[in-house]
Amino acid sequence: PSDWNGRSLQYGGGGFNGVLITGLGLPPAY
């Protein structure tokens, strides 16, 4: 991000994966 808060968040996958998880959507239960 242009304005970084000093933190990072890694997103997990789903099923058998095989699809790029972009990290642009909402995380679980959000």
All heavy atoms as atom14 arrays in JSON, in Angstrom:
{
  "sequence": "PSDWNGRSLQYGGGGFNGVLITGLGLPPAY",
  "atom14_mask": [
    [1, 1, 1, 1, 1, 1, 1, 0, 0, 0, 0, 0, 0, 0],
    [1, 1, 1, 1, 1, 1, 0, 0, 0, 0, 0, 0, 0, 0],
    [1, 1, 1, 1, 1, 1, 1, 1, 0, 0, 0, 0, 0, 0],
    [1, 1, 1, 1, 1, 1, 1, 1, 1, 1, 1, 1, 1, 1],
    [1, 1, 1, 1, 1, 1, 1, 1, 0, 0, 0, 0, 0, 0],
    [1, 1, 1, 1, 0, 0, 0, 0, 0, 0, 0, 0, 0, 0],
    [1, 1, 1, 1, 1, 1, 1, 1, 1, 1, 1, 0, 0, 0],
    [1, 1, 1, 1, 1, 1, 0, 0, 0, 0, 0, 0, 0, 0],
    [1, 1, 1, 1, 1, 1, 1, 1, 0, 0, 0, 0, 0, 0],
    [1, 1, 1, 1, 1, 1, 1, 1, 1, 0, 0, 0, 0, 0],
    [1, 1, 1, 1, 1, 1, 1, 1, 1, 1, 1, 1, 0, 0],
    [1, 1, 1, 1, 0, 0, 0, 0, 0, 0, 0, 0, 0, 0],
    [1, 1, 1, 1, 0, 0, 0, 0, 0, 0, 0, 0, 0, 0],
    [1, 1, 1, 1, 0, 0, 0, 0, 0, 0, 0, 0, 0, 0],
    [1, 1, 1, 1, 0, 0, 0, 0, 0, 0, 0, 0, 0, 0],
    [1, 1, 1, 1, 1, 1, 1, 1, 1, 1, 1, 0, 0, 0],
    [1, 1, 1, 1, 1, 1, 1, 1, 0, 0, 0, 0, 0, 0],
    [1, 1, 1, 1, 0, 0, 0, 0, 0, 0, 0, 0, 0, 0],
    [1, 1, 1, 1, 1, 1, 1, 0, 0, 0, 0, 0, 0, 0],
    [1, 1, 1, 1, 1, 1, 1, 1, 0, 0, 0, 0, 0, 0],
    [1, 1, 1, 1, 1, 1, 1, 1, 0, 0, 0, 0, 0, 0],
    [1, 1, 1, 1, 1, 1, 1, 0, 0, 0, 0, 0, 0, 0],
    [1, 1, 1, 1, 0, 0, 0, 0, 0, 0, 0, 0, 0, 0],
    [1, 1, 1, 1, 1, 1, 1, 1, 0, 0, 0, 0, 0, 0],
    [1, 1, 1, 1, 0, 0, 0, 0, 0, 0, 0, 0, 0, 0],
    [1, 1, 1, 1, 1, 1, 1, 1, 0, 0, 0, 0, 0, 0],
    [1, 1, 1, 1, 1, 1, 1, 0, 0, 0, 0, 0, 0, 0],
    [1, 1, 1, 1, 1, 1, 1, 0, 0, 0, 0, 0, 0, 0],
    [1, 1, 1, 1, 1, 0, 0, 0, 0, 0, 0, 0, 0, 0],
    [1, 1, 1, 1, 1, 1, 1, 1, 1, 1, 1, 1, 0, 0]
  ],
  "atom14_positions": [
    [[0.82, -1.22, 0.0], [0.0, 0.0, 0.0], [0.85, 1.26, 0.0], [1.97, 1.28, 0.53], [-0.8, -0.13, 1.3], [0.07, -0.95, 2.19], [0.77, -1.93, 1.29], [0.0, 0.0, 0.0], [0.0, 0.0, 0.0], [0.0, 0.0, 0.0], [0.0, 0.0, 0.0], [0.0, 0.0, 0.0], [0.0, 0.0, 0.0], [0.0, 0.0, 0.0]],
    [[0.3, 2.3, -0.58], [1.01, 3.59, -0.57], [1.21, 4.09, 0.85], [2.24, 4.68, 1.18], [0.23, 4.62, -1.4], [0.18, 4.24, -2.75], [0.0, 0.0, 0.0], [0.0, 0.0, 0.0], [0.0, 0.0, 0.0], [0.0, 0.0, 0.0], [0.0, 0.0, 0.0], [0.0, 0.0, 0.0], [0.0, 0.0, 0.0], [0.0, 0.0, 0.0]],
    [[0.2, 3.87, 1.7], [0.29, 4.26, 3.11], [0.34, 2.99, 3.95], [-0.7, 2.4, 4.27], [-0.9, 5.13, 3.51], [-0.92, 6.44, 2.76], [0.13, 7.1, 2.69], [-1.99, 6.8, 2.23], [0.0, 0.0, 0.0], [0.0, 0.0, 0.0], [0.0, 0.0, 0.0], [0.0, 0.0, 0.0], [0.0, 0.0, 0.0], [0.0, 0.0, 0.0]],
    [[1.54, 2.54, 4.28], [1.73, 1.27, 4.99], [1.7, 1.5, 6.5], [2.3, 2.45, 7.0], [3.07, 0.67, 4.58], [3.36, -0.68, 5.18], [2.49, -1.69, 5.39], [4.63, -1.13, 5.66], [3.12, -2.77, 5.96], [4.44, -2.45, 6.13], [5.9, -0.56, 5.72], [5.49, -3.21, 6.67], [6.94, -1.31, 6.25], [6.74, -2.62, 6.71]],
    [[1.03, 0.61, 7.23], [0.93, 0.75, 8.68], [1.97, -0.07, 9.43], [1.92, -0.18, 10.66], [-0.48, 0.39, 9.18], [-0.84, -1.07, 8.95], [0.01, -1.91, 8.65], [-2.12, -1.39, 9.09], [0.0, 0.0, 0.0], [0.0, 0.0, 0.0], [0.0, 0.0, 0.0], [0.0, 0.0, 0.0], [0.0, 0.0, 0.0], [0.0, 0.0, 0.0]],
    [[2.91, -0.67, 8.7], [3.97, -1.42, 9.35], [3.64, -2.87, 9.61], [4.45, -3.6, 10.19], [0.0, 0.0, 0.0], [0.0, 0.0, 0.0], [0.0, 0.0, 0.0], [0.0, 0.0, 0.0], [0.0, 0.0, 0.0], [0.0, 0.0, 0.0], [0.0, 0.0, 0.0], [0.0, 0.0, 0.0], [0.0, 0.0, 0.0], [0.0, 0.0, 0.0]],
    [[2.45, -3.34, 9.16], [2.02, -4.71, 9.39], [1.87, -5.45, 8.06], [1.74, -4.83, 7.0], [0.68, -4.75, 10.11], [0.6, -3.98, 11.42], [-0.81, -4.08, 11.98], [-0.96, -3.4, 13.25], [-1.45, -2.16, 13.4], [-1.79, -1.45, 12.31], [-1.59, -1.63, 14.59], [0.0, 0.0, 0.0], [0.0, 0.0, 0.0], [0.0, 0.0, 0.0]],
    [[1.83, -6.79, 8.15], [1.53, -7.6, 6.97], [0.5, -8.65, 7.33], [0.37, -9.05, 8.49], [2.8, -8.28, 6.43], [3.23, -9.3, 7.31], [0.0, 0.0, 0.0], [0.0, 0.0, 0.0], [0.0, 0.0, 0.0], [0.0, 0.0, 0.0], [0.0, 0.0, 0.0], [0.0, 0.0, 0.0], [0.0, 0.0, 0.0], [0.0, 0.0, 0.0]],
    [[-0.23, -9.11, 6.3], [-1.25, -10.14, 6.48], [-1.15, -11.13, 5.33], [-1.32, -10.77, 4.17], [-2.66, -9.51, 6.5], [-3.83, -10.5, 6.51], [-3.8, -11.37, 7.76], [-5.16, -9.76, 6.41], [0.0, 0.0, 0.0], [0.0, 0.0, 0.0], [0.0, 0.0, 0.0], [0.0, 0.0, 0.0], [0.0, 0.0, 0.0], [0.0, 0.0, 0.0]],
    [[-0.88, -12.38, 5.67], [-0.87, -13.46, 4.69], [-2.23, -14.14, 4.69], [-2.76, -14.47, 5.74], [0.23, -14.48, 4.99], [0.32, -15.6, 3.95], [1.59, -16.43, 4.08], [2.47, -16.11, 4.87], [1.7, -17.48, 3.31], [0.0, 0.0, 0.0], [0.0, 0.0, 0.0], [0.0, 0.0, 0.0], [0.0, 0.0, 0.0], [0.0, 0.0, 0.0]],
    [[-2.77, -14.34, 3.48], [-4.06, -15.0, 3.32], [-3.84, -16.49, 3.03], [-2.97, -16.85, 2.24], [-4.82, -14.42, 2.12], [-5.5, -13.09, 2.33], [-4.79, -11.96, 2.74], [-6.86, -12.94, 2.07], [-5.42, -10.73, 2.89], [-7.49, -11.72, 2.21], [-6.76, -10.61, 2.62], [-7.39, -9.4, 2.76], [0.0, 0.0, 0.0], [0.0, 0.0, 0.0]],
    [[-4.66, -17.35, 3.63], [-4.64, -18.77, 3.31], [-5.48, -19.08, 2.09], [-6.19, -18.22, 1.57], [0.0, 0.0, 0.0], [0.0, 0.0, 0.0], [0.0, 0.0, 0.0], [0.0, 0.0, 0.0], [0.0, 0.0, 0.0], [0.0, 0.0, 0.0], [0.0, 0.0, 0.0], [0.0, 0.0, 0.0], [0.0, 0.0, 0.0], [0.0, 0.0, 0.0]],
    [[-5.41, -20.32, 1.64], [-6.14, -20.75, 0.45], [-7.42, -21.47, 0.76], [-8.05, -21.24, 1.8], [0.0, 0.0, 0.0], [0.0, 0.0, 0.0], [0.0, 0.0, 0.0], [0.0, 0.0, 0.0], [0.0, 0.0, 0.0], [0.0, 0.0, 0.0], [0.0, 0.0, 0.0], [0.0, 0.0, 0.0], [0.0, 0.0, 0.0], [0.0, 0.0, 0.0]],
    [[-7.82, -22.4, -0.13], [-9.06, -23.13, 0.06], [-9.11, -24.36, -0.83], [-8.48, -24.4, -1.9], [0.0, 0.0, 0.0], [0.0, 0.0, 0.0], [0.0, 0.0, 0.0], [0.0, 0.0, 0.0], [0.0, 0.0, 0.0], [0.0, 0.0, 0.0], [0.0, 0.0, 0.0], [0.0, 0.0, 0.0], [0.0, 0.0, 0.0], [0.0, 0.0, 0.0]],
    [[-9.84, -25.4, -0.39], [-9.95, -26.62, -1.17], [-8.6, -27.27, -1.38], [-7.83, -27.48, -0.44], [0.0, 0.0, 0.0], [0.0, 0.0, 0.0], [0.0, 0.0, 0.0], [0.0, 0.0, 0.0], [0.0, 0.0, 0.0], [0.0, 0.0, 0.0], [0.0, 0.0, 0.0], [0.0, 0.0, 0.0], [0.0, 0.0, 0.0], [0.0, 0.0, 0.0]],
    [[-8.28, -27.57, -2.63], [-6.96, -28.09, -2.97], [-6.08, -26.99, -3.56], [-5.05, -27.26, -4.18], [-7.08, -29.26, -3.95], [-7.53, -30.54, -3.3], [-8.88, -30.83, -3.15], [-6.61, -31.43, -2.79], [-9.3, -31.99, -2.54], [-7.01, -32.61, -2.18], [-8.36, -32.89, -2.05], [0.0, 0.0, 0.0], [0.0, 0.0, 0.0], [0.0, 0.0, 0.0]],
    [[-6.49, -25.74, -3.33], [-5.75, -24.57, -3.84], [-5.62, -24.65, -5.37], [-6.55, -25.07, -6.04], [-4.41, -24.44, -3.14], [-4.57, -23.98, -1.7], [-5.58, -23.4, -1.33], [-3.57, -24.25, -0.88], [0.0, 0.0, 0.0], [0.0, 0.0, 0.0], [0.0, 0.0, 0.0], [0.0, 0.0, 0.0], [0.0, 0.0, 0.0], [0.0, 0.0, 0.0]],
    [[-4.47, -24.23, -5.91], [-4.34, -24.21, -7.37], [-4.83, -22.93, -8.0], [-4.86, -22.8, -9.23], [0.0, 0.0, 0.0], [0.0, 0.0, 0.0], [0.0, 0.0, 0.0], [0.0, 0.0, 0.0], [0.0, 0.0, 0.0], [0.0, 0.0, 0.0], [0.0, 0.0, 0.0], [0.0, 0.0, 0.0], [0.0, 0.0, 0.0], [0.0, 0.0, 0.0]],
    [[-5.24, -21.97, -7.18], [-5.69, -20.65, -7.65], [-4.9, -19.61, -6.87], [-4.75, -19.73, -5.64], [-7.2, -20.46, -7.43], [-7.62, -19.04, -7.82], [-8.0, -21.49, -8.21], [0.0, 0.0, 0.0], [0.0, 0.0, 0.0], [0.0, 0.0, 0.0], [0.0, 0.0, 0.0], [0.0, 0.0, 0.0], [0.0, 0.0, 0.0], [0.0, 0.0, 0.0]],
    [[-4.4, -18.6, -7.53], [-3.61, -17.58, -6.85], [-4.49, -16.8, -5.87], [-5.51, -16.22, -6.26], [-2.98, -16.62, -7.86], [-2.14, -15.48, -7.25], [-0.95, -16.03, -6.48], [-1.69, -14.51, -8.34], [0.0, 0.0, 0.0], [0.0, 0.0, 0.0], [0.0, 0.0, 0.0], [0.0, 0.0, 0.0], [0.0, 0.0, 0.0], [0.0, 0.0, 0.0]],
    [[-4.11, -16.8, -4.62], [-4.77, -15.98, -3.6], [-4.16, -14.59, -3.65], [-2.97, -14.42, -3.36], [-4.61, -16.61, -2.21], [-5.16, -18.05, -2.19], [-5.3, -15.76, -1.16], [-6.61, -18.18, -2.55], [0.0, 0.0, 0.0], [0.0, 0.0, 0.0], [0.0, 0.0, 0.0], [0.0, 0.0, 0.0], [0.0, 0.0, 0.0], [0.0, 0.0, 0.0]],
    [[-4.96, -13.62, -4.02], [-4.43, -12.29, -4.3], [-4.19, -11.44, -3.06], [-3.37, -10.51, -3.09], [-5.37, -11.51, -5.23], [-6.6, -11.25, -4.53], [-5.65, -12.3, -6.5], [0.0, 0.0, 0.0], [0.0, 0.0, 0.0], [0.0, 0.0, 0.0], [0.0, 0.0, 0.0], [0.0, 0.0, 0.0], [0.0, 0.0, 0.0], [0.0, 0.0, 0.0]],
    [[-4.95, -11.69, -1.98], [-4.84, -10.81, -0.82], [-5.57, -9.49, -0.98], [-5.36, -8.57, -0.19], [0.0, 0.0, 0.0], [0.0, 0.0, 0.0], [0.0, 0.0, 0.0], [0.0, 0.0, 0.0], [0.0, 0.0, 0.0], [0.0, 0.0, 0.0], [0.0, 0.0, 0.0], [0.0, 0.0, 0.0], [0.0, 0.0, 0.0], [0.0, 0.0, 0.0]],
    [[-6.44, -9.41, -1.98], [-7.17, -8.16, -2.23], [-8.6, -8.18, -1.69], [-9.24, -7.14, -1.6], [-7.21, -7.88, -3.74], [-5.86, -7.66, -4.41], [-6.04, -7.48, -5.92], [-5.14, -6.45, -3.82], [0.0, 0.0, 0.0], [0.0, 0.0, 0.0], [0.0, 0.0, 0.0], [0.0, 0.0, 0.0], [0.0, 0.0, 0.0], [0.0, 0.0, 0.0]],
    [[-9.12, -9.36, -1.36], [-10.5, -9.48, -0.91], [-10.63, -9.39, 0.59], [-9.7, -8.99, 1.32], [0.0, 0.0, 0.0], [0.0, 0.0, 0.0], [0.0, 0.0, 0.0], [0.0, 0.0, 0.0], [0.0, 0.0, 0.0], [0.0, 0.0, 0.0], [0.0, 0.0, 0.0], [0.0, 0.0, 0.0], [0.0, 0.0, 0.0], [0.0, 0.0, 0.0]],
    [[-11.81, -9.78, 1.08], [-12.05, -9.79, 2.52], [-11.48, -11.07, 3.12], [-11.63, -12.15, 2.55], [-13.55, -9.72, 2.8], [-14.3, -8.5, 2.27], [-15.76, -8.56, 2.67], [-13.67, -7.2, 2.79], [0.0, 0.0, 0.0], [0.0, 0.0, 0.0], [0.0, 0.0, 0.0], [0.0, 0.0, 0.0], [0.0, 0.0, 0.0], [0.0, 0.0, 0.0]],
    [[-10.85, -10.99, 4.27], [-10.35, -12.21, 4.92], [-11.5, -12.99, 5.56], [-12.65, -12.52, 5.57], [-9.38, -11.66, 5.98], [-9.86, -10.29, 6.26], [-10.48, -9.78, 4.99], [0.0, 0.0, 0.0], [0.0, 0.0, 0.0], [0.0, 0.0, 0.0], [0.0, 0.0, 0.0], [0.0, 0.0, 0.0], [0.0, 0.0, 0.0], [0.0, 0.0, 0.0]],
    [[-11.24, -14.18, 6.12], [-12.3, -15.01, 6.67], [-13.11, -14.33, 7.75], [-12.56, -13.63, 8.61], [-11.54, -16.2, 7.25], [-10.26, -16.24, 6.51], [-9.93, -14.82, 6.19], [0.0, 0.0, 0.0], [0.0, 0.0, 0.0], [0.0, 0.0, 0.0], [0.0, 0.0, 0.0], [0.0, 0.0, 0.0], [0.0, 0.0, 0.0], [0.0, 0.0, 0.0]],
    [[-14.43, -14.52, 7.7], [-15.38, -14.07, 8.72], [-15.48, -12.55, 8.83], [-16.07, -12.03, 9.76], [-15.01, -14.66, 10.09], [0.0, 0.0, 0.0], [0.0, 0.0, 0.0], [0.0, 0.0, 0.0], [0.0, 0.0, 0.0], [0.0, 0.0, 0.0], [0.0, 0.0, 0.0], [0.0, 0.0, 0.0], [0.0, 0.0, 0.0], [0.0, 0.0, 0.0]],
    [[-14.93, -11.83, 7.89], [-14.79, -10.38, 7.98], [-16.13, -9.68, 7.69], [-16.83, -10.05, 6.75], [-13.75, -9.94, 6.96], [-13.07, -8.63, 7.21], [-12.16, -8.48, 8.24], [-13.31, -7.55, 6.38], [-11.49, -7.28, 8.44], [-12.65, -6.34, 6.56], [-11.74, -6.21, 7.59], [-11.08, -5.02, 7.78], [0.0, 0.0, 0.0], [0.0, 0.0, 0.0]]
  ]
}
